[in-house]
């Protein structure tokens, strides 16, 4: 038998979601059976799969010890690098500058050293994250960007912050601006009142190839994409443009694919761009950076309301700084 006390970070979850995180070695079929036959109880009584847990509730599990994950003195995230570029931090959130080449989350090729494992190590060593004190929550990233893209990523330190920011992201109350360098001078799209241009097309993703294709009109399995941009500088000698981009939809590889579709692929992009042009310029990595984040809440943000109206920016984007010498 083992008991768990529901903490603030665990509160609000359904019982089955809580158990699947707190006891990951327990198969789902057995979990549902044990809830049904009262071998899993909440506050000493019968519970339902859909029971919502509150802070201070006690979850008692009368199940075999083999299902409880053993605790180890060393955690996987302690193998991650300590290198972490922090733009802003408070008790609820971290705003990070993810470097080009670093994964946001582990994948089949890299498990230990990623942005999220670096965050966990940092908070653990600061004494702000103790895995053994958490039943089901661990620090999490609110957004992610591609491995080969540099830029701002938000990390939530608490469950409440994660819930609020996920909701704000879904409602598009967080606004991100990107900088990129493209071949040529883009001029496609509808002119907007602020002088920017808006491209509106359709995107289809090929999951197996991890690539997308853009269409002018809606086709089967396509999703609408809307990309707003303005040209900041033009290097006529090298036929390059420095462009600021705002995504009004957030699709896979949207910026890279959309500019390639209009004949202005990103400098250094080998997947959607021109390797021949990139080699002439000497670039193997794409010039793309999510450089600015603004909190523009239009609905209640609870304990994160203090972030409303604030903006954060990466100060030194190398390809923007050196654009005239590219």
Protein backbone atom coordinates (compact mmCIF):
# COMPACT_ATOMS: atom_id res chain seq x y z
CA UNK A 1 0.00 0.00 0.00
CA UNK A 2 1.24 3.50 -0.82
CA UNK A 3 -0.33 6.90 -0.22
CA UNK A 4 0.10 10.15 -2.13
CA UNK A 5 -0.87 13.58 -0.84
CA UNK A 6 -2.06 15.87 -3.61
CA UNK A 7 0.06 19.02 -3.83
CA UNK A 8 -0.79 22.37 -5.39
CA UNK A 9 0.91 21.29 -8.62
CA UNK A 10 -1.20 18.11 -8.74
CA UNK A 11 -4.54 19.76 -7.95
CA UNK A 12 -7.28 19.92 -10.57
CA UNK A 13 -6.28 16.74 -12.37
CA UNK A 14 -8.56 13.79 -12.97
CA UNK A 15 -7.71 10.78 -10.84
CA UNK A 16 -6.70 8.60 -13.79
CA UNK A 17 -4.38 11.30 -15.20
CA UNK A 18 -2.75 11.74 -11.80
CA UNK A 19 -2.16 8.01 -11.37
CA UNK A 20 -0.75 7.53 -14.88
CA UNK A 21 1.94 10.13 -14.07
CA UNK A 22 2.54 9.23 -10.43
CA UNK A 23 2.70 5.47 -11.05
CA UNK A 24 3.75 5.11 -14.71
CA UNK A 25 4.53 1.39 -14.32
CA UNK A 26 0.89 0.57 -13.54
CA UNK A 27 -0.90 -0.57 -16.74
CA UNK A 28 -4.01 1.42 -17.63
CA UNK A 29 -6.27 -1.63 -17.64
CA UNK A 30 -5.24 -2.52 -14.09
CA UNK A 31 -5.58 1.08 -12.95
CA UNK A 32 -9.21 1.24 -14.09
CA UNK A 33 -9.92 -2.14 -12.50
CA UNK A 34 -8.34 -1.12 -9.18
CA UNK A 35 -10.36 2.10 -9.08
CA UNK A 36 -13.53 0.11 -9.77
CA UNK A 37 -12.91 -2.50 -7.04
CA UNK A 38 -11.76 0.16 -4.51
CA UNK A 39 -8.10 -0.81 -4.33
CA UNK A 40 -7.46 2.82 -5.22
CA UNK A 41 -9.30 5.28 -2.96
CA UNK A 42 -9.43 9.03 -2.45
CA UNK A 43 -9.65 10.27 1.15
CA UNK A 44 -10.48 6.74 2.26
CA UNK A 45 -13.54 6.34 0.06
CA UNK A 46 -14.65 5.18 -3.36
CA UNK A 47 -13.53 7.33 -6.28
CA UNK A 48 -14.32 7.55 -9.95
CA UNK A 49 -11.93 7.73 -12.88
CA UNK A 50 -13.15 11.26 -13.49
CA UNK A 51 -12.79 12.40 -9.85
CA UNK A 52 -11.06 15.80 -9.76
CA UNK A 53 -8.35 16.00 -7.12
CA UNK A 54 -7.96 18.95 -4.78
CA UNK A 55 -4.89 20.09 -2.89
CA UNK A 56 -4.56 18.06 0.30
CA UNK A 57 -6.52 15.02 -0.95
CA UNK A 58 -5.00 11.64 -0.10
CA UNK A 59 -4.84 8.94 -2.76
CA UNK A 60 -4.37 5.45 -1.27
CA UNK A 61 -3.26 2.62 -3.56
CA UNK A 62 -3.55 -0.95 -2.33
CA UNK A 63 -1.47 -2.45 -5.12
CA UNK A 64 1.71 -4.49 -5.46
CA UNK A 65 5.03 -2.76 -4.73
CA UNK A 66 6.36 -3.79 -8.16
CA UNK A 67 4.29 -1.03 -9.78
CA UNK A 68 5.90 1.77 -7.81
CA UNK A 69 8.86 3.28 -9.58
CA UNK A 70 12.06 3.13 -7.58
CA UNK A 71 13.73 6.39 -6.67
CA UNK A 72 17.33 6.88 -7.67
CA UNK A 73 19.80 9.34 -6.19
CA UNK A 74 20.86 10.50 -9.63
CA UNK A 75 18.36 11.77 -12.16
CA UNK A 76 18.73 11.60 -15.92
CA UNK A 77 18.55 15.38 -16.20
CA UNK A 78 21.74 15.66 -14.14
CA UNK A 79 23.59 14.50 -17.26
CA UNK A 80 22.46 17.63 -19.11
CA UNK A 81 24.73 20.61 -19.63
CA UNK A 82 24.54 23.54 -17.21
CA UNK A 83 24.63 25.95 -20.15
CA UNK A 84 21.38 27.91 -20.16
CA UNK A 85 20.67 31.38 -21.52
CA UNK A 86 17.96 33.03 -19.38
CA UNK A 87 16.24 36.14 -20.71
CA UNK A 88 13.86 36.48 -17.71
CA UNK A 89 12.95 34.46 -14.63
CA UNK A 90 10.56 34.71 -11.69
CA UNK A 91 8.89 32.25 -9.31
CA UNK A 92 6.46 31.05 -12.00
CA UNK A 93 8.14 31.18 -15.41
CA UNK A 94 11.45 31.25 -17.24
CA UNK A 95 11.95 32.85 -20.65
CA UNK A 96 14.88 31.20 -22.38
CA UNK A 97 17.06 31.82 -25.40
CA UNK A 98 17.30 28.37 -27.01
CA UNK A 99 20.48 28.11 -29.01
CA UNK A 100 20.60 26.75 -32.54
CA UNK A 101 21.34 23.02 -32.58
CA UNK A 102 19.74 22.28 -29.19
CA UNK A 103 16.63 20.12 -29.02
CA UNK A 104 13.68 21.42 -27.00
CA UNK A 105 12.69 17.91 -25.84
CA UNK A 106 14.39 14.50 -25.92
CA UNK A 107 13.98 12.36 -29.02
CA UNK A 108 15.27 8.97 -30.16
CA UNK A 109 18.69 10.46 -30.92
CA UNK A 110 19.26 12.61 -27.82
CA UNK A 111 17.74 11.95 -24.42
CA UNK A 112 19.89 13.63 -21.79
CA UNK A 113 21.01 17.05 -23.05
CA UNK A 114 18.01 19.08 -24.22
CA UNK A 115 16.52 22.42 -23.26
CA UNK A 116 14.01 20.90 -20.83
CA UNK A 117 16.59 18.66 -19.14
CA UNK A 118 18.87 21.69 -18.72
CA UNK A 119 15.96 23.57 -17.13
CA UNK A 120 15.29 20.70 -14.72
CA UNK A 121 18.95 20.49 -13.72
CA UNK A 122 19.12 24.25 -13.20
CA UNK A 123 16.01 24.33 -10.99
CA UNK A 124 17.07 21.19 -9.10
CA UNK A 125 20.45 22.68 -8.29
CA UNK A 126 18.75 25.94 -7.21
CA UNK A 127 16.53 23.97 -4.86
CA UNK A 128 13.34 24.97 -6.72
CA UNK A 129 12.57 21.52 -8.11
CA UNK A 130 12.67 18.32 -6.07
CA UNK A 131 11.32 15.36 -8.07
CA UNK A 132 10.66 13.29 -4.95
CA UNK A 133 8.34 16.00 -3.64
CA UNK A 134 6.28 16.04 -6.84
CA UNK A 135 3.80 13.27 -7.56
CA UNK A 136 3.00 14.08 -11.18
CA UNK A 137 4.33 17.54 -12.13
CA UNK A 138 7.72 18.53 -13.47
CA UNK A 139 8.84 21.81 -15.07
CA UNK A 140 7.63 21.96 -18.67
CA UNK A 141 8.07 23.97 -21.86
CA UNK A 142 5.06 25.95 -23.03
CA UNK A 143 6.24 26.21 -26.63
CA UNK A 144 8.94 24.59 -28.69
CA UNK A 145 10.97 25.51 -31.75
CA UNK A 146 12.92 23.39 -34.21
CA UNK A 147 16.39 22.15 -33.31
CA UNK A 148 18.03 24.33 -35.97
CA UNK A 149 16.10 27.46 -35.00
CA UNK A 150 17.29 29.79 -32.28
CA UNK A 151 14.82 31.69 -30.18
CA UNK A 152 12.60 32.35 -27.21
CA UNK A 153 11.03 29.40 -25.38
CA UNK A 154 8.89 29.69 -22.24
CA UNK A 155 9.27 27.23 -19.35
CA UNK A 156 6.63 26.90 -16.62
CA UNK A 157 7.82 26.21 -13.08
CA UNK A 158 4.37 25.39 -11.69
CA UNK A 159 1.28 23.54 -12.85
CA UNK A 160 -0.83 26.70 -12.61
CA UNK A 161 1.62 28.65 -14.78
CA UNK A 162 1.67 25.83 -17.33
CA UNK A 163 -2.13 25.66 -17.46
CA UNK A 164 -2.54 29.42 -17.85
CA UNK A 165 0.15 29.80 -20.51
CA UNK A 166 -1.10 26.81 -22.50
CA UNK A 167 -4.52 28.45 -22.56
CA UNK A 168 -3.06 31.83 -23.58
CA UNK A 169 -1.03 30.17 -26.32
CA UNK A 170 -4.15 28.45 -27.63
CA UNK A 171 -6.08 31.75 -27.60
CA UNK A 172 -3.15 33.49 -29.33
CA UNK A 173 -2.67 35.96 -26.49
CA UNK A 174 1.10 35.44 -26.70
CA UNK A 175 2.74 37.06 -29.71
CA UNK A 176 6.10 36.03 -31.14
CA UNK A 177 8.15 37.82 -33.76
CA UNK A 178 10.84 36.18 -35.86
CA UNK A 179 13.83 37.48 -37.77
CA UNK A 180 15.12 35.69 -40.84
CA UNK A 181 17.27 36.24 -43.91
CA UNK A 182 15.80 35.15 -47.24
CA UNK A 183 17.08 34.98 -50.79
CA UNK A 184 15.64 37.74 -52.97
CA UNK A 185 13.16 40.42 -51.96
CA UNK A 186 9.73 39.03 -50.98
CA UNK A 187 6.76 41.05 -52.20
CA UNK A 188 3.83 38.60 -52.13
CA UNK A 189 0.72 39.10 -50.04
CA UNK A 190 -1.94 41.62 -49.16
CA UNK A 191 -0.78 45.01 -47.94
CA UNK A 192 -1.86 45.63 -44.34
CA UNK A 193 -2.70 49.00 -42.69
CA UNK A 194 0.70 49.01 -40.93
CA UNK A 195 2.53 48.53 -44.24
CA UNK A 196 3.33 44.85 -43.72
CA UNK A 197 2.34 42.07 -46.12
CA UNK A 198 0.08 39.10 -45.31
CA UNK A 199 0.40 35.77 -47.12
CA UNK A 200 -2.57 33.37 -46.86
CA UNK A 201 -2.26 29.85 -48.25
CA UNK A 202 -2.75 26.18 -47.32
CA UNK A 203 -0.31 23.66 -45.86
CA UNK A 204 -0.21 19.86 -45.92
CA UNK A 205 2.23 17.96 -43.68
CA UNK A 206 3.91 14.70 -44.65
CA UNK A 207 4.46 13.03 -41.27
CA UNK A 208 6.79 10.34 -42.62
CA UNK A 209 9.16 12.80 -44.28
CA UNK A 210 8.63 15.53 -41.66
CA UNK A 211 8.10 18.03 -44.45
CA UNK A 212 5.26 20.27 -45.52
CA UNK A 213 3.93 21.49 -48.86
CA UNK A 214 2.15 24.76 -49.58
CA UNK A 215 -0.89 25.15 -51.85
CA UNK A 216 -2.66 28.26 -53.09
CA UNK A 217 -6.09 26.70 -52.63
CA UNK A 218 -7.53 24.34 -50.05
CA UNK A 219 -6.82 20.66 -50.74
CA UNK A 220 -7.42 17.41 -48.84
CA UNK A 221 -5.90 17.41 -45.32
CA UNK A 222 -4.68 20.99 -45.72
CA UNK A 223 -4.65 23.61 -42.99
CA UNK A 224 -4.80 27.35 -43.50
CA UNK A 225 -1.61 29.30 -42.91
CA UNK A 226 -1.31 33.06 -42.45
CA UNK A 227 2.14 34.65 -42.39
CA UNK A 228 2.60 38.38 -41.83
CA UNK A 229 5.94 40.00 -42.61
CA UNK A 230 7.84 43.18 -43.35
CA UNK A 231 11.18 43.60 -45.12
CA UNK A 232 13.57 45.47 -42.82
CA UNK A 233 16.68 45.66 -45.00
CA UNK A 234 17.79 44.65 -48.49
CA UNK A 235 21.33 43.68 -49.48
CA UNK A 236 21.10 44.28 -53.23
CA UNK A 237 24.67 43.11 -53.88
CA UNK A 238 24.00 39.63 -52.51
CA UNK A 239 20.25 39.58 -53.26
CA UNK A 240 19.29 38.99 -49.63
CA UNK A 241 16.59 40.47 -47.40
CA UNK A 242 16.32 40.76 -43.62
CA UNK A 243 12.70 40.07 -42.75
CA UNK A 244 10.59 40.33 -39.58
CA UNK A 245 7.80 37.73 -39.43
CA UNK A 246 4.70 37.27 -37.29
CA UNK A 247 2.90 33.93 -37.47
CA UNK A 248 -0.86 34.32 -37.34
CA UNK A 249 -1.10 30.53 -37.49
CA UNK A 250 1.49 28.21 -36.01
CA UNK A 251 2.09 25.30 -38.37
CA UNK A 252 5.10 23.03 -38.75
CA UNK A 253 7.94 24.72 -40.69
CA UNK A 254 5.51 27.50 -41.66
CA UNK A 255 8.05 30.30 -42.10
CA UNK A 256 10.58 28.17 -43.97
CA UNK A 257 8.05 26.59 -46.30
CA UNK A 258 6.01 29.72 -46.94
CA UNK A 259 8.95 31.86 -48.05
CA UNK A 260 10.32 29.01 -50.16
CA UNK A 261 6.88 28.76 -51.80
CA UNK A 262 7.08 32.38 -53.01
CA UNK A 263 10.62 31.89 -54.30
CA UNK A 264 12.48 33.43 -51.35
CA UNK A 265 13.84 30.51 -49.27
CA UNK A 266 15.70 31.14 -46.04
CA UNK A 267 19.46 31.52 -46.20
CA UNK A 268 21.01 28.30 -44.90
CA UNK A 269 17.84 26.21 -45.10
CA UNK A 270 18.75 22.92 -46.77
CA UNK A 271 15.31 21.34 -46.50
CA UNK A 272 13.16 23.95 -48.26
CA UNK A 273 15.87 26.16 -49.72
CA UNK A 274 18.59 25.93 -52.32
CA UNK A 275 21.78 24.09 -51.36
CA UNK A 276 23.48 25.61 -54.37
CA UNK A 277 22.71 29.15 -53.22
CA UNK A 278 23.55 28.33 -49.61
CA UNK A 279 26.96 26.90 -50.57
CA UNK A 280 27.78 30.03 -52.54
CA UNK A 281 27.12 32.07 -49.40
CA UNK A 282 28.90 29.56 -47.17
CA UNK A 283 25.92 28.84 -44.89
CA UNK A 284 24.85 25.40 -43.68
CA UNK A 285 22.47 26.54 -40.92
CA UNK A 286 19.27 28.48 -41.44
CA UNK A 287 19.10 32.16 -40.54
CA UNK A 288 15.94 32.10 -38.44
CA UNK A 289 15.37 33.31 -34.88
CA UNK A 290 12.27 33.77 -32.71
CA UNK A 291 13.59 36.98 -31.22
CA UNK A 292 10.69 38.73 -29.45
CA UNK A 293 7.80 37.65 -27.19
CA UNK A 294 4.90 39.83 -26.01
CA UNK A 295 2.20 39.00 -23.46
CA UNK A 296 -1.05 40.53 -24.72
CA UNK A 297 -3.73 39.05 -22.46
CA UNK A 298 -7.32 39.84 -23.38
CA UNK A 299 -8.80 37.58 -20.70
CA UNK A 300 -7.99 36.88 -17.04
CA UNK A 301 -4.52 35.43 -16.49
CA UNK A 302 -4.87 34.70 -12.79
CA UNK A 303 -1.55 34.71 -10.95
CA UNK A 304 0.29 35.59 -14.19
CA UNK A 305 -1.61 38.83 -14.79
CA UNK A 306 1.55 40.77 -13.89
CA UNK A 307 3.07 39.64 -17.22
CA UNK A 308 0.37 41.36 -19.27
CA UNK A 309 1.79 44.05 -21.53
CA UNK A 310 5.40 42.95 -21.04
CA UNK A 311 7.75 42.14 -23.91
CA UNK A 312 11.05 40.28 -23.94
CA UNK A 313 13.64 40.29 -26.68
CA UNK A 314 16.90 38.57 -27.59
CA UNK A 315 19.42 41.36 -27.91
CA UNK A 316 22.05 39.93 -30.25
CA UNK A 317 20.83 38.07 -33.34
CA UNK A 318 24.08 37.57 -35.24
CA UNK A 319 22.68 37.47 -38.77
CA UNK A 320 20.72 40.69 -38.15
CA UNK A 321 23.76 42.40 -36.62
CA UNK A 322 26.03 41.30 -39.49
CA UNK A 323 23.44 41.49 -42.26
CA UNK A 324 25.36 44.02 -44.37
CA UNK A 325 28.40 41.72 -44.29
CA UNK A 326 26.69 38.42 -45.08
